[in-house]
């Protein structure tokens, strides 16, 4: 009987470890934001180090992703109007596996007033996660990730807004 309990315990432990690995998380709250460079098709670059001292919201999306569409609509309606003029805040909405040209065409349909950045080879996304979009990473002024989201829900978006507000104080 003890052997069975012992084996069952280790089988359960193995399942928990496997489930955590499948979450796709590479960066978690409490860790430093990975360094990255966004490179636009025209060669213009945005270095993560240039945002030092700001609260940064990094959002990964894809143009074909329905939950991403819901989240970006809320960013346009609620988040961006509230924080776009705050010198201590930066928003990086990054199209996973998209080029500038694809994002420009997409934005012609959507009419977002915030910038969209390309990550055509998953170079940036790959530093943060393995899978699942939309994903957001909120980074405090010291460069530490303080909140992460996967998928989209109204409740999670409201919590994100609260976290941004607290980080800016």
N, C-alpha and C. Protein backbone atom coordinates (compact mmCIF):
# COMPACT_ATOMS: atom_id res chain seq x y z
N UNK A 1 0.82 -1.19 0.00
CA UNK A 1 0.00 0.00 0.00
C UNK A 1 0.87 1.26 0.00
N UNK A 2 1.93 1.27 0.82
CA UNK A 2 2.82 2.42 0.87
C UNK A 2 3.47 2.67 -0.48
N UNK A 3 3.83 1.60 -1.15
CA UNK A 3 4.44 1.73 -2.47
C UNK A 3 3.46 2.38 -3.44
N UNK A 4 2.20 1.98 -3.38
CA UNK A 4 1.18 2.56 -4.26
C UNK A 4 1.02 4.06 -3.98
N UNK A 5 0.92 4.44 -2.72
CA UNK A 5 0.77 5.85 -2.35
C UNK A 5 2.00 6.64 -2.80
N UNK A 6 3.16 6.06 -2.59
CA UNK A 6 4.41 6.69 -3.00
C UNK A 6 4.44 6.92 -4.51
N UNK A 7 4.08 5.91 -5.28
CA UNK A 7 4.07 6.02 -6.75
C UNK A 7 2.98 7.00 -7.21
N UNK A 8 1.84 6.98 -6.57
CA UNK A 8 0.75 7.89 -6.93
C UNK A 8 1.17 9.34 -6.68
N UNK A 9 1.86 9.57 -5.57
CA UNK A 9 2.34 10.91 -5.25
C UNK A 9 3.29 11.41 -6.34
N UNK A 10 4.24 10.60 -6.74
CA UNK A 10 5.20 11.02 -7.75
C UNK A 10 4.55 11.17 -9.14
N UNK A 11 3.56 10.37 -9.43
CA UNK A 11 2.83 10.53 -10.69
C UNK A 11 2.09 11.87 -10.70
N UNK A 12 1.47 12.20 -9.59
CA UNK A 12 0.77 13.49 -9.48
C UNK A 12 1.75 14.64 -9.59
N UNK A 13 2.88 14.53 -8.92
CA UNK A 13 3.91 15.56 -8.98
C UNK A 13 4.40 15.75 -10.42
N UNK A 14 4.60 14.67 -11.14
CA UNK A 14 5.04 14.75 -12.54
C UNK A 14 4.00 15.45 -13.40
N UNK A 15 2.72 15.20 -13.15
CA UNK A 15 1.65 15.88 -13.89
C UNK A 15 1.63 17.37 -13.61
N UNK A 16 1.82 17.76 -12.36
CA UNK A 16 1.85 19.18 -12.00
C UNK A 16 3.01 19.88 -12.69
N UNK A 17 4.18 19.28 -12.67
CA UNK A 17 5.35 19.87 -13.33
C UNK A 17 5.11 19.99 -14.83
N UNK A 18 4.53 18.96 -15.44
CA UNK A 18 4.24 19.00 -16.88
C UNK A 18 3.23 20.10 -17.19
N UNK A 19 2.19 20.24 -16.38
CA UNK A 19 1.17 21.27 -16.60
C UNK A 19 1.78 22.65 -16.49
N UNK A 20 2.70 22.86 -15.54
CA UNK A 20 3.35 24.16 -15.41
C UNK A 20 4.20 24.44 -16.63
N UNK A 21 4.88 23.44 -17.15
CA UNK A 21 5.71 23.61 -18.33
C UNK A 21 4.88 23.96 -19.55
N UNK A 22 3.67 23.41 -19.66
CA UNK A 22 2.81 23.66 -20.81
C UNK A 22 2.14 25.03 -20.76
N UNK A 23 2.30 25.76 -19.64
CA UNK A 23 1.71 27.09 -19.55
C UNK A 23 2.33 28.03 -20.57
N UNK A 24 3.52 27.69 -21.01
CA UNK A 24 4.20 28.50 -22.01
C UNK A 24 4.91 29.71 -21.42
N UNK A 25 4.90 29.85 -20.11
CA UNK A 25 5.53 31.00 -19.48
C UNK A 25 7.05 30.87 -19.49
N UNK A 26 7.72 31.89 -19.97
CA UNK A 26 9.16 31.99 -19.83
C UNK A 26 9.51 33.11 -18.86
N UNK A 27 8.66 34.14 -18.81
CA UNK A 27 8.84 35.27 -17.90
C UNK A 27 7.63 35.32 -16.99
N UNK A 28 7.90 35.41 -15.70
CA UNK A 28 6.83 35.43 -14.71
C UNK A 28 6.93 36.71 -13.89
N UNK A 29 5.84 37.05 -13.21
CA UNK A 29 5.85 38.20 -12.31
C UNK A 29 6.97 38.03 -11.30
N UNK A 30 7.68 39.11 -11.05
CA UNK A 30 8.81 39.09 -10.12
C UNK A 30 10.15 39.01 -10.82
N UNK A 31 10.14 38.66 -12.11
CA UNK A 31 11.39 38.55 -12.86
C UNK A 31 11.65 39.84 -13.64
N UNK A 32 12.91 40.01 -14.01
CA UNK A 32 13.28 41.15 -14.85
C UNK A 32 12.74 40.96 -16.26
N UNK A 33 12.36 42.07 -16.89
CA UNK A 33 11.93 42.04 -18.28
C UNK A 33 13.14 41.70 -19.14
N UNK A 34 13.00 40.75 -20.08
CA UNK A 34 14.12 40.48 -20.99
C UNK A 34 14.41 41.69 -21.87
N UNK A 35 15.66 41.87 -22.21
CA UNK A 35 16.04 42.94 -23.14
C UNK A 35 15.64 42.52 -24.55
N UNK A 36 15.17 43.48 -25.34
CA UNK A 36 14.79 43.19 -26.72
C UNK A 36 14.88 44.44 -27.57
N UNK A 37 14.86 44.22 -28.86
CA UNK A 37 14.85 45.30 -29.82
C UNK A 37 13.77 45.03 -30.85
N UNK A 38 12.87 45.99 -31.02
CA UNK A 38 11.87 45.91 -32.08
C UNK A 38 12.49 46.52 -33.33
N UNK A 39 12.44 45.80 -34.42
CA UNK A 39 12.99 46.30 -35.68
C UNK A 39 11.85 46.39 -36.69
N UNK A 40 11.57 47.62 -37.12
CA UNK A 40 10.54 47.83 -38.15
C UNK A 40 11.11 47.48 -39.52
N UNK A 41 10.22 47.29 -40.48
CA UNK A 41 10.64 46.94 -41.84
C UNK A 41 11.59 47.98 -42.43
N UNK A 42 11.46 49.25 -42.03
CA UNK A 42 12.31 50.31 -42.57
C UNK A 42 13.64 50.43 -41.82
N UNK A 43 13.88 49.54 -40.88
CA UNK A 43 15.13 49.54 -40.13
C UNK A 43 15.09 50.32 -38.84
N UNK A 44 14.02 51.10 -38.60
CA UNK A 44 13.91 51.83 -37.35
C UNK A 44 13.84 50.84 -36.18
N UNK A 45 14.50 51.20 -35.07
CA UNK A 45 14.56 50.29 -33.94
C UNK A 45 14.02 50.95 -32.68
N UNK A 46 13.39 50.12 -31.84
CA UNK A 46 12.99 50.53 -30.51
C UNK A 46 13.66 49.56 -29.55
N UNK A 47 14.53 50.08 -28.71
CA UNK A 47 15.24 49.25 -27.74
C UNK A 47 14.50 49.28 -26.42
N UNK A 48 14.35 48.13 -25.81
CA UNK A 48 13.66 48.08 -24.52
C UNK A 48 14.39 48.95 -23.49
N UNK A 49 15.69 49.05 -23.60
CA UNK A 49 16.47 49.87 -22.66
C UNK A 49 16.12 51.35 -22.75
N UNK A 50 15.56 51.79 -23.89
CA UNK A 50 15.18 53.19 -24.04
C UNK A 50 13.93 53.53 -23.21
N UNK A 51 13.27 52.52 -22.68
CA UNK A 51 12.05 52.74 -21.89
C UNK A 51 12.31 52.68 -20.39
N UNK A 52 13.57 52.63 -20.03
CA UNK A 52 13.94 52.54 -18.61
C UNK A 52 13.29 53.68 -17.83
N UNK A 53 12.75 53.34 -16.66
CA UNK A 53 12.12 54.33 -15.80
C UNK A 53 10.64 54.54 -16.06
N UNK A 54 10.10 53.82 -17.04
CA UNK A 54 8.67 53.92 -17.36
C UNK A 54 7.95 52.64 -16.95
N UNK A 55 6.66 52.77 -16.73
CA UNK A 55 5.79 51.61 -16.61
C UNK A 55 5.49 51.19 -18.04
N UNK A 56 5.73 49.93 -18.35
CA UNK A 56 5.58 49.45 -19.73
C UNK A 56 4.54 48.34 -19.78
N UNK A 57 3.60 48.46 -20.70
CA UNK A 57 2.68 47.37 -20.97
C UNK A 57 3.05 46.80 -22.33
N UNK A 58 3.45 45.54 -22.32
CA UNK A 58 3.79 44.83 -23.55
C UNK A 58 2.65 43.86 -23.83
N UNK A 59 2.02 44.03 -24.98
CA UNK A 59 0.91 43.17 -25.37
C UNK A 59 1.27 42.45 -26.66
N UNK A 60 1.15 41.13 -26.65
CA UNK A 60 1.37 40.34 -27.85
C UNK A 60 0.03 39.90 -28.41
N UNK A 61 -0.15 40.04 -29.71
CA UNK A 61 -1.41 39.69 -30.36
C UNK A 61 -1.14 39.15 -31.76
N UNK A 62 -2.20 38.67 -32.40
CA UNK A 62 -2.15 38.30 -33.81
C UNK A 62 -3.43 38.82 -34.46
N UNK A 63 -3.35 39.18 -35.71
CA UNK A 63 -4.49 39.76 -36.40
C UNK A 63 -5.65 38.78 -36.58
N UNK A 64 -5.35 37.49 -36.54
CA UNK A 64 -6.37 36.45 -36.78
C UNK A 64 -7.00 35.96 -35.48
N UNK A 65 -6.62 36.48 -34.34
CA UNK A 65 -6.99 35.96 -33.02
C UNK A 65 -8.21 36.70 -32.46
N UNK A 66 -9.38 36.03 -32.34
CA UNK A 66 -10.58 36.70 -31.82
C UNK A 66 -10.43 37.30 -30.42
N UNK A 67 -9.85 36.59 -29.43
CA UNK A 67 -9.69 37.23 -28.12
C UNK A 67 -8.77 38.46 -28.19
N UNK A 68 -7.80 38.43 -29.10
CA UNK A 68 -6.93 39.59 -29.28
C UNK A 68 -7.73 40.80 -29.74
N UNK A 69 -8.69 40.56 -30.63
CA UNK A 69 -9.51 41.65 -31.15
C UNK A 69 -10.31 42.31 -30.03
N UNK A 70 -10.86 41.48 -29.15
CA UNK A 70 -11.62 42.01 -28.01
C UNK A 70 -10.72 42.85 -27.10
N UNK A 71 -9.55 42.32 -26.82
CA UNK A 71 -8.63 43.03 -25.93
C UNK A 71 -8.17 44.35 -26.54
N UNK A 72 -7.79 44.33 -27.81
CA UNK A 72 -7.31 45.56 -28.44
C UNK A 72 -8.42 46.60 -28.56
N UNK A 73 -9.65 46.17 -28.72
CA UNK A 73 -10.77 47.11 -28.73
C UNK A 73 -10.87 47.83 -27.38
N UNK A 74 -10.65 47.10 -26.30
CA UNK A 74 -10.67 47.71 -24.95
C UNK A 74 -9.46 48.61 -24.73
N UNK A 75 -8.32 48.22 -25.27
CA UNK A 75 -7.13 49.07 -25.19
C UNK A 75 -7.45 50.40 -25.88
N UNK A 76 -8.05 50.35 -27.06
CA UNK A 76 -8.39 51.56 -27.82
C UNK A 76 -9.43 52.41 -27.09
N UNK A 77 -10.41 51.77 -26.51
CA UNK A 77 -11.54 52.49 -25.89
C UNK A 77 -11.20 53.01 -24.49
N UNK A 78 -10.47 52.24 -23.70
CA UNK A 78 -10.29 52.57 -22.28
C UNK A 78 -8.84 52.90 -21.92
N UNK A 79 -7.92 51.97 -22.21
CA UNK A 79 -6.55 52.11 -21.73
C UNK A 79 -5.79 53.24 -22.42
N UNK A 80 -5.77 53.24 -23.74
CA UNK A 80 -4.97 54.22 -24.48
C UNK A 80 -5.41 55.65 -24.21
N UNK A 81 -6.71 55.96 -24.24
CA UNK A 81 -7.10 57.34 -23.93
C UNK A 81 -6.66 57.79 -22.52
N UNK A 82 -6.65 56.87 -21.59
CA UNK A 82 -6.29 57.22 -20.21
C UNK A 82 -4.79 57.46 -20.04
N UNK A 83 -3.94 56.70 -20.73
CA UNK A 83 -2.51 56.75 -20.47
C UNK A 83 -1.64 57.27 -21.60
N UNK A 84 -2.20 57.56 -22.75
CA UNK A 84 -1.36 57.92 -23.90
C UNK A 84 -0.51 59.17 -23.67
N UNK A 85 -0.98 60.09 -22.84
CA UNK A 85 -0.23 61.32 -22.59
C UNK A 85 0.61 61.27 -21.32
N UNK A 86 0.66 60.13 -20.67
CA UNK A 86 1.44 59.99 -19.45
C UNK A 86 2.90 59.69 -19.82
N UNK A 87 3.79 60.61 -19.48
CA UNK A 87 5.21 60.47 -19.85
C UNK A 87 5.88 59.29 -19.16
N UNK A 88 5.25 58.76 -18.11
CA UNK A 88 5.82 57.63 -17.37
C UNK A 88 5.27 56.28 -17.82
N UNK A 89 4.53 56.26 -18.93
CA UNK A 89 3.90 55.03 -19.41
C UNK A 89 4.26 54.79 -20.87
N UNK A 90 4.51 53.52 -21.20
CA UNK A 90 4.77 53.12 -22.59
C UNK A 90 3.92 51.90 -22.91
N UNK A 91 3.31 51.91 -24.09
CA UNK A 91 2.50 50.80 -24.57
C UNK A 91 3.17 50.23 -25.82
N UNK A 92 3.47 48.93 -25.76
CA UNK A 92 4.03 48.22 -26.90
C UNK A 92 3.07 47.11 -27.29
N UNK A 93 2.32 47.33 -28.35
CA UNK A 93 1.40 46.32 -28.87
C UNK A 93 2.12 45.66 -30.04
N UNK A 94 2.48 44.39 -29.84
CA UNK A 94 3.39 43.71 -30.75
C UNK A 94 2.67 42.58 -31.48
N UNK A 95 2.68 42.64 -32.80
CA UNK A 95 2.06 41.62 -33.64
C UNK A 95 2.98 40.43 -33.81
N UNK A 96 2.63 39.33 -33.16
CA UNK A 96 3.45 38.12 -33.24
C UNK A 96 3.37 37.54 -34.65
N UNK A 97 4.52 37.37 -35.26
CA UNK A 97 4.66 36.84 -36.62
C UNK A 97 4.02 37.74 -37.68
N UNK A 98 4.05 39.04 -37.44
CA UNK A 98 3.52 40.00 -38.41
C UNK A 98 4.59 41.00 -38.80
N UNK A 99 4.49 41.48 -40.05
CA UNK A 99 5.39 42.52 -40.56
C UNK A 99 4.71 43.88 -40.39
N UNK A 100 5.49 44.94 -40.59
CA UNK A 100 4.92 46.29 -40.58
C UNK A 100 3.80 46.41 -41.61
N UNK A 101 4.03 45.88 -42.80
CA UNK A 101 3.04 45.99 -43.88
C UNK A 101 1.73 45.31 -43.48
N UNK A 102 1.82 44.14 -42.89
CA UNK A 102 0.61 43.43 -42.44
C UNK A 102 -0.11 44.22 -41.34
N UNK A 103 0.65 44.78 -40.43
CA UNK A 103 0.05 45.55 -39.34
C UNK A 103 -0.58 46.84 -39.85
N UNK A 104 0.04 47.46 -40.83
CA UNK A 104 -0.52 48.68 -41.41
C UNK A 104 -1.86 48.38 -42.08
N UNK A 105 -1.92 47.30 -42.84
CA UNK A 105 -3.16 46.90 -43.50
C UNK A 105 -4.25 46.57 -42.47
N UNK A 106 -3.87 45.86 -41.42
CA UNK A 106 -4.78 45.50 -40.34
C UNK A 106 -5.32 46.77 -39.66
N UNK A 107 -4.42 47.72 -39.41
CA UNK A 107 -4.84 48.94 -38.72
C UNK A 107 -5.72 49.83 -39.59
N UNK A 108 -5.61 49.72 -40.91
CA UNK A 108 -6.52 50.45 -41.79
C UNK A 108 -7.96 50.04 -41.54
N UNK A 109 -8.16 48.75 -41.24
CA UNK A 109 -9.51 48.23 -40.93
C UNK A 109 -9.95 48.61 -39.53
N UNK A 110 -9.03 48.53 -38.57
CA UNK A 110 -9.37 48.70 -37.16
C UNK A 110 -9.35 50.16 -36.70
N UNK A 111 -8.45 50.95 -37.24
CA UNK A 111 -8.37 52.36 -36.87
C UNK A 111 -7.84 52.61 -35.46
N UNK A 112 -6.90 51.81 -35.01
CA UNK A 112 -6.32 52.04 -33.69
C UNK A 112 -5.46 53.30 -33.71
N UNK A 113 -5.48 54.04 -32.62
CA UNK A 113 -4.66 55.25 -32.54
C UNK A 113 -3.33 55.00 -31.84
N UNK A 114 -3.13 53.79 -31.31
CA UNK A 114 -1.86 53.44 -30.69
C UNK A 114 -1.00 52.72 -31.72
N UNK A 115 0.32 52.77 -31.55
CA UNK A 115 1.20 52.12 -32.53
C UNK A 115 1.20 50.59 -32.39
N UNK A 116 1.40 49.95 -33.52
CA UNK A 116 1.55 48.49 -33.58
C UNK A 116 2.97 48.21 -34.04
N UNK A 117 3.60 47.23 -33.40
CA UNK A 117 4.99 46.91 -33.70
C UNK A 117 5.11 45.47 -34.20
N UNK A 118 6.00 45.23 -35.17
CA UNK A 118 6.15 43.87 -35.72
C UNK A 118 7.09 42.99 -34.90
N UNK A 119 6.81 41.72 -34.94
CA UNK A 119 7.71 40.69 -34.39
C UNK A 119 7.63 39.50 -35.33
N UNK A 120 8.10 39.73 -36.57
CA UNK A 120 7.85 38.77 -37.64
C UNK A 120 8.45 37.39 -37.41
N UNK A 121 9.50 37.29 -36.62
CA UNK A 121 10.13 35.98 -36.39
C UNK A 121 9.97 35.47 -34.96
N UNK A 122 9.05 36.06 -34.21
CA UNK A 122 8.82 35.71 -32.81
C UNK A 122 10.04 35.93 -31.94
N UNK A 123 10.94 36.79 -32.37
CA UNK A 123 12.16 37.02 -31.59
C UNK A 123 11.84 37.60 -30.22
N UNK A 124 10.94 38.56 -30.18
CA UNK A 124 10.59 39.20 -28.91
C UNK A 124 9.66 38.28 -28.12
N UNK A 125 8.62 37.81 -28.78
CA UNK A 125 7.67 36.91 -28.11
C UNK A 125 8.40 35.71 -27.50
N UNK A 126 9.35 35.17 -28.24
CA UNK A 126 10.09 34.00 -27.78
C UNK A 126 10.92 34.24 -26.54
N UNK A 127 11.21 35.50 -26.22
CA UNK A 127 11.92 35.81 -24.98
C UNK A 127 10.97 35.83 -23.77
N UNK A 128 9.67 35.95 -24.05
CA UNK A 128 8.67 36.06 -22.99
C UNK A 128 7.85 34.78 -22.78
N UNK A 129 7.51 34.10 -23.87
CA UNK A 129 6.59 32.97 -23.76
C UNK A 129 6.81 31.98 -24.89
N UNK A 130 6.22 30.80 -24.71
CA UNK A 130 6.30 29.76 -25.74
C UNK A 130 5.04 29.74 -26.59
N UNK A 131 3.88 29.98 -25.97
CA UNK A 131 2.62 29.86 -26.69
C UNK A 131 1.55 30.73 -26.03
N UNK A 132 0.39 30.76 -26.63
CA UNK A 132 -0.81 31.44 -26.17
C UNK A 132 -0.77 32.96 -26.39
N UNK A 133 -1.81 33.45 -27.03
CA UNK A 133 -2.05 34.88 -27.19
C UNK A 133 -3.53 35.13 -27.01
N UNK A 134 -3.96 36.31 -26.70
CA UNK A 134 -3.11 37.45 -26.34
C UNK A 134 -2.42 37.22 -25.01
N UNK A 135 -1.33 37.91 -24.86
CA UNK A 135 -0.55 37.89 -23.62
C UNK A 135 -0.10 39.31 -23.34
N UNK A 136 -0.11 39.67 -22.08
CA UNK A 136 0.40 40.98 -21.68
C UNK A 136 1.36 40.82 -20.51
N UNK A 137 2.34 41.69 -20.50
CA UNK A 137 3.32 41.76 -19.43
C UNK A 137 3.42 43.21 -18.99
N UNK A 138 3.12 43.46 -17.72
CA UNK A 138 3.22 44.80 -17.16
C UNK A 138 4.54 44.88 -16.41
N UNK A 139 5.32 45.90 -16.75
CA UNK A 139 6.67 46.07 -16.20
C UNK A 139 6.70 47.37 -15.41
N UNK A 140 7.27 47.31 -14.20
CA UNK A 140 7.33 48.53 -13.39
C UNK A 140 8.52 49.39 -13.81
N UNK A 141 8.68 50.52 -13.14
CA UNK A 141 9.72 51.49 -13.50
C UNK A 141 11.13 50.96 -13.29
N UNK A 142 11.28 49.90 -12.51
CA UNK A 142 12.61 49.33 -12.28
C UNK A 142 12.95 48.24 -13.29
N UNK A 143 12.00 47.88 -14.15
CA UNK A 143 12.25 46.84 -15.15
C UNK A 143 11.78 45.46 -14.74
N UNK A 144 11.05 45.39 -13.62
CA UNK A 144 10.57 44.10 -13.13
C UNK A 144 9.13 43.86 -13.62
N UNK A 145 8.87 42.65 -14.09
CA UNK A 145 7.51 42.26 -14.49
C UNK A 145 6.67 42.14 -13.22
N UNK A 146 5.55 42.87 -13.19
CA UNK A 146 4.73 42.86 -11.98
C UNK A 146 3.36 42.20 -12.19
N UNK A 147 3.00 41.96 -13.45
CA UNK A 147 1.69 41.35 -13.72
C UNK A 147 1.72 40.77 -15.12
N UNK A 148 1.10 39.60 -15.28
CA UNK A 148 1.00 38.97 -16.60
C UNK A 148 -0.43 38.51 -16.84
N UNK A 149 -0.82 38.48 -18.10
CA UNK A 149 -2.14 37.95 -18.47
C UNK A 149 -1.98 37.00 -19.64
N UNK A 150 -2.93 36.08 -19.74
CA UNK A 150 -3.04 35.16 -20.88
C UNK A 150 -4.49 35.14 -21.29
N UNK A 151 -4.75 35.23 -22.59
CA UNK A 151 -6.13 35.26 -23.04
C UNK A 151 -6.74 36.61 -22.73
N UNK A 152 -8.06 36.66 -22.78
CA UNK A 152 -8.73 37.92 -22.47
C UNK A 152 -10.02 37.65 -21.71
N UNK A 153 -10.25 38.45 -20.68
CA UNK A 153 -11.53 38.51 -19.99
C UNK A 153 -11.71 39.93 -19.49
N UNK A 154 -12.95 40.35 -19.35
CA UNK A 154 -13.24 41.70 -18.84
C UNK A 154 -12.65 41.89 -17.45
N UNK A 155 -12.75 40.85 -16.62
CA UNK A 155 -12.26 40.93 -15.25
C UNK A 155 -10.74 41.11 -15.22
N UNK A 156 -10.06 40.34 -16.03
CA UNK A 156 -8.60 40.44 -16.08
C UNK A 156 -8.16 41.80 -16.61
N UNK A 157 -8.89 42.32 -17.58
CA UNK A 157 -8.55 43.64 -18.13
C UNK A 157 -8.75 44.72 -17.06
N UNK A 158 -9.81 44.62 -16.28
CA UNK A 158 -10.04 45.57 -15.18
C UNK A 158 -8.91 45.49 -14.16
N UNK A 159 -8.46 44.28 -13.86
CA UNK A 159 -7.35 44.11 -12.93
C UNK A 159 -6.07 44.70 -13.49
N UNK A 160 -5.85 44.52 -14.79
CA UNK A 160 -4.68 45.12 -15.45
C UNK A 160 -4.72 46.64 -15.31
N UNK A 161 -5.86 47.22 -15.53
CA UNK A 161 -5.99 48.68 -15.39
C UNK A 161 -5.64 49.12 -13.97
N UNK A 162 -6.10 48.38 -12.98
CA UNK A 162 -5.76 48.69 -11.58
C UNK A 162 -4.27 48.58 -11.33
N UNK A 163 -3.64 47.56 -11.90
CA UNK A 163 -2.20 47.35 -11.72
C UNK A 163 -1.40 48.48 -12.37
N UNK A 164 -1.83 48.94 -13.54
CA UNK A 164 -1.15 50.05 -14.20
C UNK A 164 -1.24 51.29 -13.32
N UNK A 165 -2.43 51.59 -12.85
CA UNK A 165 -2.65 52.76 -12.00
C UNK A 165 -1.75 52.72 -10.77
N UNK A 166 -1.69 51.56 -10.11
CA UNK A 166 -0.86 51.42 -8.91
C UNK A 166 0.63 51.59 -9.25
N UNK A 167 1.06 51.06 -10.39
CA UNK A 167 2.48 51.14 -10.77
C UNK A 167 2.90 52.57 -11.10
N UNK A 168 1.96 53.37 -11.57
CA UNK A 168 2.27 54.74 -11.94
C UNK A 168 2.33 55.68 -10.73
N UNK A 169 1.86 55.23 -9.58
CA UNK A 169 1.86 56.10 -8.37
C UNK A 169 3.24 56.18 -7.76
